[in-house]
Structure formats: C-alpha cells, structure tokens
Amino acid sequence: MDVLTALLVVLVGMTAMATLESRARRLDRRMVRLEQKIDLLLEEANVPDHGLVPAEVAALARAGEDITAIKKYREATGAGLREAKEVVDRLKG
C-alpha cells in the first residue's frame, strides 16, 4: 500500500507541474504580445526608449561601458540579453 501511495503522490505532483508549466507558457506568450503592443504605442507616440531606461544605464552606455550597461539594464528590467544589448546599442547612437 505504501508503494501505491507513493506512486499516486508522484503522479499528482507531475500533473501539477505540467499544469503550472502550461500556464507559465501561456503567460509568457501573453506578456510578449503585451510588450509588443506597448512598444508599438510608444513608437507611434514618438516616445524614445531612452526615456524609459534608468539614468545609470544611459550614462554607462554613453561612456562606452557596454557590458556594465547591459548588465544593469537586465537587473533593472528583467530583460533578456538580446533586448538589453539592443537598448544599449540604441543609446550609444
């Protein structure tokens, strides 16, 4: 009976994990769509990206401290490496 109970607990745990992973993927896709919409709205309103970037990151980018600027931007925003690099590159010129 103990083995059966253990198997049932494992099965329930695996099902819960699968459900949580599925929900996380749906939320990730939704967040990407929302970010795209916000980017489009900002672009249409002519709001520059550097206005949304922490001042420290902008200063580091202008000073040529790309790696540090990227790291600080990622810490401040939770952005991925690619996005952070694109923002820092735009800030430089």
PDB file of N, CA and C in Angstrom:
ATOM      1  N   MET A   1       0.819  -1.193   0.000  1.00  0.00           N
ATOM      2  CA  MET A   1       0.000   0.000   0.000  1.00  0.00           C
ATOM      3  C   MET A   1       0.862   1.256   0.000  1.00  0.00           C
ATOM      4  N   ASP A   2       2.028   1.234   0.650  1.00  0.00           N
ATOM      5  CA  ASP A   2       2.897   2.389   0.702  1.00  0.00           C
ATOM      6  C   ASP A   2       3.434   2.739  -0.677  1.00  0.00           C
ATOM      7  N   VAL A   3       3.750   1.742  -1.479  1.00  0.00           N
ATOM      8  CA  VAL A   3       4.257   1.972  -2.834  1.00  0.00           C
ATOM      9  C   VAL A   3       3.170   2.614  -3.687  1.00  0.00           C
ATOM     10  N   LEU A   4       1.956   2.140  -3.543  1.00  0.00           N
ATOM     11  CA  LEU A   4       0.836   2.690  -4.298  1.00  0.00           C
ATOM     12  C   LEU A   4       0.598   4.153  -3.917  1.00  0.00           C
ATOM     13  N   THR A   5       0.686   4.460  -2.653  1.00  0.00           N
ATOM     14  CA  THR A   5       0.518   5.838  -2.183  1.00  0.00           C
ATOM     15  C   THR A   5       1.626   6.727  -2.734  1.00  0.00           C
ATOM     16  N   ALA A   6       2.847   6.228  -2.711  1.00  0.00           N
ATOM     17  CA  ALA A   6       3.979   6.994  -3.232  1.00  0.00           C
ATOM     18  C   ALA A   6       3.804   7.259  -4.723  1.00  0.00           C
ATOM     19  N   LEU A   7       3.372   6.258  -5.469  1.00  0.00           N
ATOM     20  CA  LEU A   7       3.141   6.437  -6.897  1.00  0.00           C
ATOM     21  C   LEU A   7       2.038   7.457  -7.157  1.00  0.00           C
ATOM     22  N   LEU A   8       1.009   7.419  -6.366  1.00  0.00           N
ATOM     23  CA  LEU A   8      -0.088   8.372  -6.504  1.00  0.00           C
ATOM     24  C   LEU A   8       0.392   9.794  -6.223  1.00  0.00           C
ATOM     25  N   VAL A   9       1.219   9.968  -5.210  1.00  0.00           N
ATOM     26  CA  VAL A   9       1.761  11.284  -4.876  1.00  0.00           C
ATOM     27  C   VAL A   9       2.635  11.794  -6.018  1.00  0.00           C
ATOM     28  N   VAL A  10       3.464  10.913  -6.575  1.00  0.00           N
ATOM     29  CA  VAL A  10       4.323  11.302  -7.697  1.00  0.00           C
ATOM     30  C   VAL A  10       3.473  11.685  -8.897  1.00  0.00           C
ATOM     31  N   LEU A  11       2.444  10.923  -9.196  1.00  0.00           N
ATOM     32  CA  LEU A  11       1.565  11.204 -10.326  1.00  0.00           C
ATOM     33  C   LEU A  11       0.860  12.551 -10.154  1.00  0.00           C
ATOM     34  N   VAL A  12       0.357  12.802  -8.978  1.00  0.00           N
ATOM     35  CA  VAL A  12      -0.307  14.077  -8.699  1.00  0.00           C
ATOM     36  C   VAL A  12       0.690  15.225  -8.818  1.00  0.00           C
ATOM     37  N   GLY A  13       1.882  15.030  -8.313  1.00  0.00           N
ATOM     38  CA  GLY A  13       2.917  16.056  -8.407  1.00  0.00           C
ATOM     39  C   GLY A  13       3.295  16.354  -9.844  1.00  0.00           C
ATOM     40  N   MET A  14       3.439  15.322 -10.656  1.00  0.00           N
ATOM     41  CA  MET A  14       3.795  15.508 -12.067  1.00  0.00           C
ATOM     42  C   MET A  14       2.676  16.224 -12.816  1.00  0.00           C
ATOM     43  N   THR A  15       1.443  15.887 -12.503  1.00  0.00           N
ATOM     44  CA  THR A  15       0.305  16.546 -13.139  1.00  0.00           C
ATOM     45  C   THR A  15       0.264  18.023 -12.763  1.00  0.00           C
ATOM     46  N   ALA A  16       0.514  18.313 -11.514  1.00  0.00           N
ATOM     47  CA  ALA A  16       0.528  19.710 -11.066  1.00  0.00           C
ATOM     48  C   ALA A  16       1.644  20.486 -11.746  1.00  0.00           C
ATOM     49  N   MET A  17       2.812  19.888 -11.876  1.00  0.00           N
ATOM     50  CA  MET A  17       3.936  20.548 -12.547  1.00  0.00           C
ATOM     51  C   MET A  17       3.603  20.829 -14.005  1.00  0.00           C
ATOM     52  N   ALA A  18       3.006  19.869 -14.685  1.00  0.00           N
ATOM     53  CA  ALA A  18       2.652  20.050 -16.093  1.00  0.00           C
ATOM     54  C   ALA A  18       1.642  21.184 -16.245  1.00  0.00           C
ATOM     55  N   THR A  19       0.697  21.246 -15.331  1.00  0.00           N
ATOM     56  CA  THR A  19      -0.300  22.312 -15.373  1.00  0.00           C
ATOM     57  C   THR A  19       0.348  23.675 -15.151  1.00  0.00           C
ATOM     58  N   LEU A  20       1.253  23.760 -14.196  1.00  0.00           N
ATOM     59  CA  LEU A  20       1.941  25.018 -13.926  1.00  0.00           C
ATOM     60  C   LEU A  20       2.821  25.446 -15.102  1.00  0.00           C
ATOM     61  N   GLU A  21       3.501  24.502 -15.719  1.00  0.00           N
ATOM     62  CA  GLU A  21       4.341  24.816 -16.874  1.00  0.00           C
ATOM     63  C   GLU A  21       3.504  25.324 -18.035  1.00  0.00           C
ATOM     64  N   SER A  22       2.364  24.706 -18.258  1.00  0.00           N
ATOM     65  CA  SER A  22       1.472  25.132 -19.327  1.00  0.00           C
ATOM     66  C   SER A  22       0.977  26.556 -19.074  1.00  0.00           C
ATOM     67  N   ARG A  23       0.613  26.838 -17.855  1.00  0.00           N
ATOM     68  CA  ARG A  23       0.143  28.182 -17.500  1.00  0.00           C
ATOM     69  C   ARG A  23       1.258  29.208 -17.658  1.00  0.00           C
ATOM     70  N   ALA A  24       2.469  28.835 -17.267  1.00  0.00           N
ATOM     71  CA  ALA A  24       3.609  29.741 -17.396  1.00  0.00           C
ATOM     72  C   ALA A  24       3.874  30.052 -18.871  1.00  0.00           C
ATOM     73  N   ARG A  25       3.778  29.053 -19.738  1.00  0.00           N
ATOM     74  CA  ARG A  25       3.984  29.289 -21.171  1.00  0.00           C
ATOM     75  C   ARG A  25       2.914  30.223 -21.730  1.00  0.00           C
ATOM     76  N   ARG A  26       1.662  30.031 -21.316  1.00  0.00           N
ATOM     77  CA  ARG A  26       0.588  30.923 -21.775  1.00  0.00           C
ATOM     78  C   ARG A  26       0.824  32.348 -21.303  1.00  0.00           C
ATOM     79  N   LEU A  27       1.242  32.503 -20.052  1.00  0.00           N
ATOM     80  CA  LEU A  27       1.520  33.845 -19.524  1.00  0.00           C
ATOM     81  C   LEU A  27       2.707  34.490 -20.234  1.00  0.00           C
ATOM     82  N   ASP A  28       3.716  33.697 -20.554  1.00  0.00           N
ATOM     83  CA  ASP A  28       4.864  34.229 -21.299  1.00  0.00           C
ATOM     84  C   ASP A  28       4.432  34.739 -22.667  1.00  0.00           C
ATOM     85  N   ARG A  29       3.617  33.953 -23.379  1.00  0.00           N
ATOM     86  CA  ARG A  29       3.143  34.394 -24.698  1.00  0.00           C
ATOM     87  C   ARG A  29       2.305  35.657 -24.584  1.00  0.00           C
ATOM     88  N   ARG A  30       1.480  35.722 -23.558  1.00  0.00           N
ATOM     89  CA  ARG A  30       0.647  36.912 -23.361  1.00  0.00           C
ATOM     90  C   ARG A  30       1.514  38.135 -23.063  1.00  0.00           C
ATOM     91  N   MET A  31       2.537  37.948 -22.252  1.00  0.00           N
ATOM     92  CA  MET A  31       3.425  39.062 -21.922  1.00  0.00           C
ATOM     93  C   MET A  31       4.150  39.575 -23.166  1.00  0.00           C
ATOM     94  N   VAL A  32       4.583  38.654 -24.020  1.00  0.00           N
ATOM     95  CA  VAL A  32       5.261  39.061 -25.254  1.00  0.00           C
ATOM     96  C   VAL A  32       4.311  39.912 -26.106  1.00  0.00           C
ATOM     97  N   ARG A  33       3.068  39.469 -26.238  1.00  0.00           N
ATOM     98  CA  ARG A  33       2.096  40.243 -27.025  1.00  0.00           C
ATOM     99  C   ARG A  33       1.859  41.617 -26.414  1.00  0.00           C
ATOM    100  N   LEU A  34       1.737  41.690 -25.094  1.00  0.00           N
ATOM    101  CA  LEU A  34       1.529  42.982 -24.433  1.00  0.00           C
ATOM    102  C   LEU A  34       2.731  43.899 -24.615  1.00  0.00           C
ATOM    103  N   GLU A  35       3.932  43.352 -24.521  1.00  0.00           N
ATOM    104  CA  GLU A  35       5.129  44.162 -24.721  1.00  0.00           C
ATOM    105  C   GLU A  35       5.196  44.687 -26.147  1.00  0.00           C
ATOM    106  N   GLN A  36       4.798  43.860 -27.113  1.00  0.00           N
ATOM    107  CA  GLN A  36       4.794  44.308 -28.499  1.00  0.00           C
ATOM    108  C   GLN A  36       3.801  45.457 -28.685  1.00  0.00           C
ATOM    109  N   LYS A  37       2.656  45.353 -28.062  1.00  0.00           N
ATOM    110  CA  LYS A  37       1.654  46.419 -28.161  1.00  0.00           C
ATOM    111  C   LYS A  37       2.160  47.704 -27.517  1.00  0.00           C
ATOM    112  N   ILE A  38       2.779  47.583 -26.372  1.00  0.00           N
ATOM    113  CA  ILE A  38       3.320  48.766 -25.694  1.00  0.00           C
ATOM    114  C   ILE A  38       4.412  49.404 -26.541  1.00  0.00           C
ATOM    115  N   ASP A  39       5.297  48.579 -27.111  1.00  0.00           N
ATOM    116  CA  ASP A  39       6.349  49.110 -27.975  1.00  0.00           C
ATOM    117  C   ASP A  39       5.753  49.870 -29.157  1.00  0.00           C
ATOM    118  N   LEU A  40       4.707  49.316 -29.753  1.00  0.00           N
ATOM    119  CA  LEU A  40       4.062  49.974 -30.883  1.00  0.00           C
ATOM    120  C   LEU A  40       3.442  51.303 -30.461  1.00  0.00           C
ATOM    121  N   LEU A  41       2.772  51.309 -29.314  1.00  0.00           N
ATOM    122  CA  LEU A  41       2.170  52.553 -28.823  1.00  0.00           C
ATOM    123  C   LEU A  41       3.232  53.615 -28.544  1.00  0.00           C
ATOM    124  N   LEU A  42       4.331  53.217 -27.927  1.00  0.00           N
ATOM    125  CA  LEU A  42       5.410  54.161 -27.649  1.00  0.00           C
ATOM    126  C   LEU A  42       6.015  54.698 -28.946  1.00  0.00           C
ATOM    127  N   GLU A  43       6.169  53.813 -29.919  1.00  0.00           N
ATOM    128  CA  GLU A  43       6.722  54.238 -31.207  1.00  0.00           C
ATOM    129  C   GLU A  43       5.780  55.224 -31.898  1.00  0.00           C
ATOM    130  N   GLU A  44       4.490  54.928 -31.897  1.00  0.00           N
ATOM    131  CA  GLU A  44       3.511  55.810 -32.531  1.00  0.00           C
ATOM    132  C   GLU A  44       3.423  57.161 -31.830  1.00  0.00           C
ATOM    133  N   ALA A  45       3.666  57.162 -30.517  1.00  0.00           N
ATOM    134  CA  ALA A  45       3.615  58.406 -29.747  1.00  0.00           C
ATOM    135  C   ALA A  45       4.960  59.129 -29.747  1.00  0.00           C
ATOM    136  N   ASN A  46       5.932  58.575 -30.478  1.00  0.00           N
ATOM    137  CA  ASN A  46       7.277  59.159 -30.555  1.00  0.00           C
ATOM    138  C   ASN A  46       7.932  59.307 -29.188  1.00  0.00           C
ATOM    139  N   VAL A  47       7.736  58.328 -28.336  1.00  0.00           N
ATOM    140  CA  VAL A  47       8.385  58.314 -27.030  1.00  0.00           C
ATOM    141  C   VAL A  47       9.687  57.537 -27.176  1.00  0.00           C
ATOM    142  N   PRO A  48      10.831  58.184 -26.977  1.00  0.00           N
ATOM    143  CA  PRO A  48      12.103  57.480 -27.159  1.00  0.00           C
ATOM    144  C   PRO A  48      12.334  56.441 -26.071  1.00  0.00           C
ATOM    145  N   ASP A  49      12.992  55.354 -26.453  1.00  0.00           N
ATOM    146  CA  ASP A  49      13.287  54.286 -25.499  1.00  0.00           C
ATOM    147  C   ASP A  49      14.149  54.764 -24.346  1.00  0.00           C
ATOM    148  N   HIS A  50      15.080  55.668 -24.632  1.00  0.00           N
ATOM    149  CA  HIS A  50      15.995  56.068 -23.565  1.00  0.00           C
ATOM    150  C   HIS A  50      15.274  56.790 -22.435  1.00  0.00           C
ATOM    151  N   GLY A  51      14.063  57.249 -22.666  1.00  0.00           N
ATOM    152  CA  GLY A  51      13.283  57.859 -21.596  1.00  0.00           C
ATOM    153  C   GLY A  51      12.814  56.826 -20.575  1.00  0.00           C
ATOM    154  N   LEU A  52      12.820  55.576 -20.972  1.00  0.00           N
ATOM    155  CA  LEU A  52      12.356  54.501 -20.097  1.00  0.00           C
ATOM    156  C   LEU A  52      13.521  53.717 -19.492  1.00  0.00           C
ATOM    157  N   VAL A  53      14.722  54.129 -19.827  1.00  0.00           N
ATOM    158  CA  VAL A  53      15.918  53.442 -19.367  1.00  0.00           C
ATOM    159  C   VAL A  53      16.454  54.143 -18.124  1.00  0.00           C
ATOM    160  N   PRO A  54      16.850  53.389 -17.109  1.00  0.00           N
ATOM    161  CA  PRO A  54      17.439  54.022 -15.922  1.00  0.00           C
ATOM    162  C   PRO A  54      18.612  54.932 -16.311  1.00  0.00           C
ATOM    163  N   ALA A  55      18.723  56.054 -15.640  1.00  0.00           N
ATOM    164  CA  ALA A  55      19.761  57.042 -15.947  1.00  0.00           C
ATOM    165  C   ALA A  55      21.156  56.432 -15.863  1.00  0.00           C
ATOM    166  N   GLU A  56      21.371  55.556 -14.902  1.00  0.00           N
ATOM    167  CA  GLU A  56      22.684  54.926 -14.749  1.00  0.00           C
ATOM    168  C   GLU A  56      23.049  54.120 -15.996  1.00  0.00           C
ATOM    169  N   VAL A  57      22.084  53.415 -16.547  1.00  0.00           N
ATOM    170  CA  VAL A  57      22.329  52.603 -17.743  1.00  0.00           C
ATOM    171  C   VAL A  57      22.667  53.509 -18.924  1.00  0.00           C
ATOM    172  N   ALA A  58      21.915  54.593 -19.086  1.00  0.00           N
ATOM    173  CA  ALA A  58      22.176  55.522 -20.186  1.00  0.00           C
ATOM    174  C   ALA A  58      23.570  56.121 -20.059  1.00  0.00           C
ATOM    175  N   ALA A  59      23.965  56.488 -18.858  1.00  0.00           N
ATOM    176  CA  ALA A  59      25.292  57.072 -18.640  1.00  0.00           C
ATOM    177  C   ALA A  59      26.389  56.059 -18.949  1.00  0.00           C
ATOM    178  N   LEU A  60      26.202  54.827 -18.522  1.00  0.00           N
ATOM    179  CA  LEU A  60      27.190  53.787 -18.800  1.00  0.00           C
ATOM    180  C   LEU A  60      27.316  53.534 -20.307  1.00  0.00           C
ATOM    181  N   ALA A  61      26.191  53.526 -21.007  1.00  0.00           N
ATOM    182  CA  ALA A  61      26.213  53.296 -22.456  1.00  0.00           C
ATOM    183  C   ALA A  61      26.952  54.428 -23.163  1.00  0.00           C
ATOM    184  N   ARG A  62      26.672  55.659 -22.776  1.00  0.00           N
ATOM    185  CA  ARG A  62      27.339  56.814 -23.391  1.00  0.00           C
ATOM    186  C   ARG A  62      28.830  56.820 -23.086  1.00  0.00           C
ATOM    187  N   ALA A  63      29.216  56.251 -21.936  1.00  0.00           N
ATOM    188  CA  ALA A  63      30.627  56.203 -21.547  1.00  0.00           C
ATOM    189  C   ALA A  63      31.361  55.025 -22.187  1.00  0.00           C
ATOM    190  N   GLY A  64      30.640  54.228 -22.981  1.00  0.00           N
ATOM    191  CA  GLY A  64      31.281  53.094 -23.640  1.00  0.00           C
ATOM    192  C   GLY A  64      31.381  51.848 -22.785  1.00  0.00           C
ATOM    193  N   GLU A  65      30.721  51.849 -21.644  1.00  0.00           N
ATOM    194  CA  GLU A  65      30.730  50.693 -20.730  1.00  0.00           C
ATOM    195  C   GLU A  65      29.564  49.764 -21.075  1.00  0.00           C
ATOM    196  N   ASP A  66      29.627  49.193 -22.289  1.00  0.00           N
ATOM    197  CA  ASP A  66      28.507  48.412 -22.806  1.00  0.00           C
ATOM    198  C   ASP A  66      28.136  47.228 -21.917  1.00  0.00           C
ATOM    199  N   ILE A  67      29.122  46.449 -21.523  1.00  0.00           N
ATOM    200  CA  ILE A  67      28.833  45.234 -20.744  1.00  0.00           C
ATOM    201  C   ILE A  67      28.177  45.579 -19.415  1.00  0.00           C
ATOM    202  N   THR A  68      28.701  46.590 -18.750  1.00  0.00           N
ATOM    203  CA  THR A  68      28.113  47.001 -17.472  1.00  0.00           C
ATOM    204  C   THR A  68      26.715  47.567 -17.685  1.00  0.00           C
ATOM    205  N   ALA A  69      26.547  48.352 -18.750  1.00  0.00           N
ATOM    206  CA  ALA A  69      25.231  48.924 -19.054  1.00  0.00           C
ATOM    207  C   ALA A  69      24.213  47.822 -19.320  1.00  0.00           C
ATOM    208  N   ILE A  70      24.614  46.824 -20.089  1.00  0.00           N
ATOM    209  CA  ILE A  70      23.718  45.699 -20.387  1.00  0.00           C
ATOM    210  C   ILE A  70      23.347  44.967 -19.103  1.00  0.00           C
ATOM    211  N   LYS A  71      24.334  44.715 -18.266  1.00  0.00           N
ATOM    212  CA  LYS A  71      24.089  44.016 -17.003  1.00  0.00           C
ATOM    213  C   LYS A  71      23.114  44.800 -16.121  1.00  0.00           C
ATOM    214  N   LYS A  72      23.353  46.106 -15.987  1.00  0.00           N
ATOM    215  CA  LYS A  72      22.479  46.942 -15.146  1.00  0.00           C
ATOM    216  C   LYS A  72      21.064  47.018 -15.721  1.00  0.00           C
ATOM    217  N   TYR A  73      20.963  47.106 -17.046  1.00  0.00           N
ATOM    218  CA  TYR A  73      19.637  47.160 -17.678  1.00  0.00           C
ATOM    219  C   TYR A  73      18.874  45.867 -17.410  1.00  0.00           C
ATOM    220  N   ARG A  74      19.567  44.741 -17.539  1.00  0.00           N
ATOM    221  CA  ARG A  74      18.921  43.456 -17.289  1.00  0.00           C
ATOM    222  C   ARG A  74      18.472  43.342 -15.840  1.00  0.00           C
ATOM    223  N   GLU A  75      19.304  43.807 -14.914  1.00  0.00           N
ATOM    224  CA  GLU A  75      18.943  43.759 -13.496  1.00  0.00           C
ATOM    225  C   GLU A  75      17.723  44.639 -13.213  1.00  0.00           C
ATOM    226  N   ALA A  76      17.683  45.807 -13.839  1.00  0.00           N
ATOM    227  CA  ALA A  76      16.606  46.766 -13.572  1.00  0.00           C
ATOM    228  C   ALA A  76      15.286  46.363 -14.217  1.00  0.00           C
ATOM    229  N   THR A  77      15.359  45.700 -15.375  1.00  0.00           N
ATOM    230  CA  THR A  77      14.131  45.439 -16.133  1.00  0.00           C
ATOM    231  C   THR A  77      13.752  43.975 -16.243  1.00  0.00           C
ATOM    232  N   GLY A  78      14.720  43.082 -16.015  1.00  0.00           N
ATOM    233  CA  GLY A  78      14.444  41.660 -16.210  1.00  0.00           C
ATOM    234  C   GLY A  78      14.496  41.262 -17.678  1.00  0.00           C
ATOM    235  N   ALA A  79      15.016  42.136 -18.527  1.00  0.00           N
ATOM    236  CA  ALA A  79      15.094  41.873 -19.965  1.00  0.00           C
ATOM    237  C   ALA A  79      16.120  40.785 -20.250  1.00  0.00           C
ATOM    238  N   GLY A  80      15.986  40.201 -21.418  1.00  0.00           N
ATOM    239  CA  GLY A  80      16.952  39.219 -21.869  1.00  0.00           C
ATOM    240  C   GLY A  80      18.199  39.908 -22.404  1.00  0.00           C
ATOM    241  N   LEU A  81      19.210  39.105 -22.659  1.00  0.00           N
ATOM    242  CA  LEU A  81      20.485  39.632 -23.129  1.00  0.00           C
ATOM    243  C   LEU A  81      20.342  40.367 -24.458  1.00  0.00           C
ATOM    244  N   ARG A  82      19.634  39.779 -25.385  1.00  0.00           N
ATOM    245  CA  ARG A  82      19.473  40.396 -26.714  1.00  0.00           C
ATOM    246  C   ARG A  82      18.789  41.755 -26.616  1.00  0.00           C
ATOM    247  N   GLU A  83      17.670  41.809 -25.893  1.00  0.00           N
ATOM    248  CA  GLU A  83      16.941  43.073 -25.751  1.00  0.00           C
ATOM    249  C   GLU A  83      17.810  44.128 -25.082  1.00  0.00           C
ATOM    250  N   ALA A  84      18.515  43.744 -24.029  1.00  0.00           N
ATOM    251  CA  ALA A  84      19.368  44.692 -23.312  1.00  0.00           C
ATOM    252  C   ALA A  84      20.469  45.224 -24.225  1.00  0.00           C
ATOM    253  N   LYS A  85      21.054  44.352 -25.037  1.00  0.00           N
ATOM    254  CA  LYS A  85      22.103  44.791 -25.962  1.00  0.00           C
ATOM    255  C   LYS A  85      21.534  45.762 -26.989  1.00  0.00           C
ATOM    256  N   GLU A  86      20.354  45.472 -27.503  1.00  0.00           N
ATOM    257  CA  GLU A  86      19.721  46.364 -28.495  1.00  0.00           C
ATOM    258  C   GLU A  86      19.459  47.747 -27.891  1.00  0.00           C
ATOM    259  N   VAL A  87      18.990  47.790 -26.651  1.00  0.00           N
ATOM    260  CA  VAL A  87      18.720  49.068 -25.994  1.00  0.00           C
ATOM    261  C   VAL A  87      20.013  49.839 -25.804  1.00  0.00           C
ATOM    262  N   VAL A  88      21.046  49.179 -25.319  1.00  0.00           N
ATOM    263  CA  VAL A  88      22.336  49.848 -25.087  1.00  0.00           C
ATOM    264  C   VAL A  88      22.917  50.342 -26.412  1.00  0.00           C
ATOM    265  N   ASP A  89      22.807  49.547 -27.462  1.00  0.00           N
ATOM    266  CA  ASP A  89      23.289  49.969 -28.780  1.00  0.00           C
ATOM    267  C   ASP A  89      22.546  51.220 -29.268  1.00  0.00           C
ATOM    268  N   ARG A  90      21.234  51.269 -29.044  1.00  0.00           N
ATOM    269  CA  ARG A  90      20.450  52.453 -29.449  1.00  0.00           C
ATOM    270  C   ARG A  90      20.852  53.680 -28.644  1.00  0.00           C
ATOM    271  N   LEU A  91      21.172  53.473 -27.392  1.00  0.00           N
ATOM    272  CA  LEU A  91      21.559  54.590 -26.542  1.00  0.00           C
ATOM    273  C   LEU A  91      22.901  55.201 -26.969  1.00  0.00           C
ATOM    274  N   LYS A  92      23.747  54.382 -27.541  1.00  0.00           N
ATOM    275  CA  LYS A  92      25.074  54.863 -27.959  1.00  0.00           C
ATOM    276  C   LYS A  92      24.994  55.729 -29.212  1.00  0.00           C
ATOM    277  N   GLY A  93      23.998  55.571 -29.996  1.00  0.00           N
ATOM    278  CA  GLY A  93      23.971  56.377 -31.208  1.00  0.00           C
ATOM    279  C   GLY A  93      22.794  56.117 -31.986  1.00  0.00           C
TER     280      GLY A  93
END
